[in-house]
Amino acid sequence: MDATYDQRSDTFVICLSSSTIVTSAELKQGVIADYDKQGDIVRLEFLDASRTIVFPGSANVSFNFSVE
């Protein structure tokens, strides 16, 4: 997993996988999910991040998941 913030474009991106992106969907205005051919989320993009996320340059991100 990799998370980056591009100040120039004001975009915060979370890459969850290196799988090839085959489709994208805007989940809500300014939040885009990119999916692989299995329908799994590969990447999340937050456009206009300074308005969408509080303090994008120092965001704390946590995930809870289990592996079966």
C-alpha atoms as a PDB file:
ATOM      1  CA  MET A   1       0.000   0.000   0.000  1.00  0.00           C
ATOM      2  CA  ASP A   2       1.201   3.468  -0.851  1.00  0.00           C
ATOM      3  CA  ALA A   3      -0.370   6.845  -0.123  1.00  0.00           C
ATOM      4  CA  THR A   4       0.743  10.098  -1.731  1.00  0.00           C
ATOM      5  CA  TYR A   5      -0.370  13.702  -1.790  1.00  0.00           C
ATOM      6  CA  ASP A   6       0.377  15.919  -4.783  1.00  0.00           C
ATOM      7  CA  GLN A   7       0.163  19.513  -3.629  1.00  0.00           C
ATOM      8  CA  ARG A   8       0.278  20.896  -7.189  1.00  0.00           C
ATOM      9  CA  SER A   9      -2.838  18.990  -8.289  1.00  0.00           C
ATOM     10  CA  ASP A  10      -4.300  18.818  -4.745  1.00  0.00           C
ATOM     11  CA  THR A  11      -4.832  15.079  -5.136  1.00  0.00           C
ATOM     12  CA  PHE A  12      -4.475  12.410  -2.440  1.00  0.00           C
ATOM     13  CA  VAL A  13      -4.060   8.874  -3.798  1.00  0.00           C
ATOM     14  CA  ILE A  14      -4.081   5.555  -1.945  1.00  0.00           C
ATOM     15  CA  CYS A  15      -2.734   2.627  -3.993  1.00  0.00           C
ATOM     16  CA  LEU A  16      -3.842  -0.693  -2.549  1.00  0.00           C
ATOM     17  CA  SER A  17      -2.509  -2.971  -5.265  1.00  0.00           C
ATOM     18  CA  SER A  18      -0.321  -2.982  -8.363  1.00  0.00           C
ATOM     19  CA  SER A  19      -3.051  -4.725 -10.386  1.00  0.00           C
ATOM     20  CA  THR A  20      -4.022  -3.234 -13.728  1.00  0.00           C
ATOM     21  CA  ILE A  21      -6.910  -0.780 -13.545  1.00  0.00           C
ATOM     22  CA  VAL A  22      -9.737  -1.683 -15.920  1.00  0.00           C
ATOM     23  CA  THR A  23     -12.525   0.594 -14.747  1.00  0.00           C
ATOM     24  CA  SER A  24     -13.186   3.556 -12.491  1.00  0.00           C
ATOM     25  CA  ALA A  25     -16.223   4.910 -10.707  1.00  0.00           C
ATOM     26  CA  GLU A  26     -16.844   8.181  -8.937  1.00  0.00           C
ATOM     27  CA  LEU A  27     -18.141   7.129  -5.505  1.00  0.00           C
ATOM     28  CA  LYS A  28     -19.097  10.686  -4.648  1.00  0.00           C
ATOM     29  CA  GLN A  29     -18.008  14.038  -5.998  1.00  0.00           C
ATOM     30  CA  GLY A  30     -14.208  14.099  -6.025  1.00  0.00           C
ATOM     31  CA  VAL A  31     -13.690  10.515  -4.792  1.00  0.00           C
ATOM     32  CA  ILE A  32     -12.778   8.005  -7.474  1.00  0.00           C
ATOM     33  CA  ALA A  33     -12.295   4.256  -7.038  1.00  0.00           C
ATOM     34  CA  ASP A  34     -10.264   2.345  -9.615  1.00  0.00           C
ATOM     35  CA  TYR A  35     -10.990  -1.387 -10.002  1.00  0.00           C
ATOM     36  CA  ASP A  36      -9.147  -4.382 -11.454  1.00  0.00           C
ATOM     37  CA  LYS A  37     -10.734  -7.097 -13.639  1.00  0.00           C
ATOM     38  CA  GLN A  38     -11.920  -9.002 -10.535  1.00  0.00           C
ATOM     39  CA  GLY A  39     -13.778  -5.918  -9.310  1.00  0.00           C
ATOM     40  CA  ASP A  40     -11.391  -5.269  -6.417  1.00  0.00           C
ATOM     41  CA  ILE A  41     -10.397  -1.703  -5.567  1.00  0.00           C
ATOM     42  CA  VAL A  42      -6.853  -0.998  -6.746  1.00  0.00           C
ATOM     43  CA  ARG A  43      -6.653   2.722  -5.997  1.00  0.00           C
ATOM     44  CA  LEU A  44      -8.640   5.521  -4.379  1.00  0.00           C
ATOM     45  CA  GLU A  45      -8.242   9.099  -5.573  1.00  0.00           C
ATOM     46  CA  PHE A  46      -9.396  12.155  -3.645  1.00  0.00           C
ATOM     47  CA  LEU A  47      -9.602  15.213  -5.893  1.00  0.00           C
ATOM     48  CA  ASP A  48      -9.495  18.682  -4.304  1.00  0.00           C
ATOM     49  CA  ALA A  49      -8.061  16.890  -1.273  1.00  0.00           C
ATOM     50  CA  SER A  50      -7.536  20.055   0.742  1.00  0.00           C
ATOM     51  CA  ARG A  51     -11.331  20.426   0.791  1.00  0.00           C
ATOM     52  CA  THR A  52     -12.134  16.703   1.067  1.00  0.00           C
ATOM     53  CA  ILE A  53      -9.581  15.568   3.661  1.00  0.00           C
ATOM     54  CA  VAL A  54      -8.499  17.468   6.753  1.00  0.00           C
ATOM     55  CA  PHE A  55      -4.743  18.173   6.574  1.00  0.00           C
ATOM     56  CA  PRO A  56      -3.928  15.984   3.544  1.00  0.00           C
ATOM     57  CA  GLY A  57      -0.176  16.568   3.950  1.00  0.00           C
ATOM     58  CA  SER A  58      -0.242  14.826   7.323  1.00  0.00           C
ATOM     59  CA  ALA A  59      -3.163  12.445   6.982  1.00  0.00           C
ATOM     60  CA  ASN A  60      -3.300   9.435   9.276  1.00  0.00           C
ATOM     61  CA  VAL A  61      -4.761   6.419   7.544  1.00  0.00           C
ATOM     62  CA  SER A  62      -5.601   3.114   9.178  1.00  0.00           C
ATOM     63  CA  PHE A  63      -7.133  -0.046   7.782  1.00  0.00           C
ATOM     64  CA  ASN A  64      -8.602  -3.062   9.530  1.00  0.00           C
ATOM     65  CA  PHE A  65      -8.791  -6.209   7.436  1.00  0.00           C
ATOM     66  CA  SER A  66      -8.453  -9.962   7.674  1.00  0.00           C
ATOM     67  CA  VAL A  67      -6.852 -12.438   5.330  1.00  0.00           C
ATOM     68  CA  GLU A  68      -8.707 -15.694   4.747  1.00  0.00           C
END
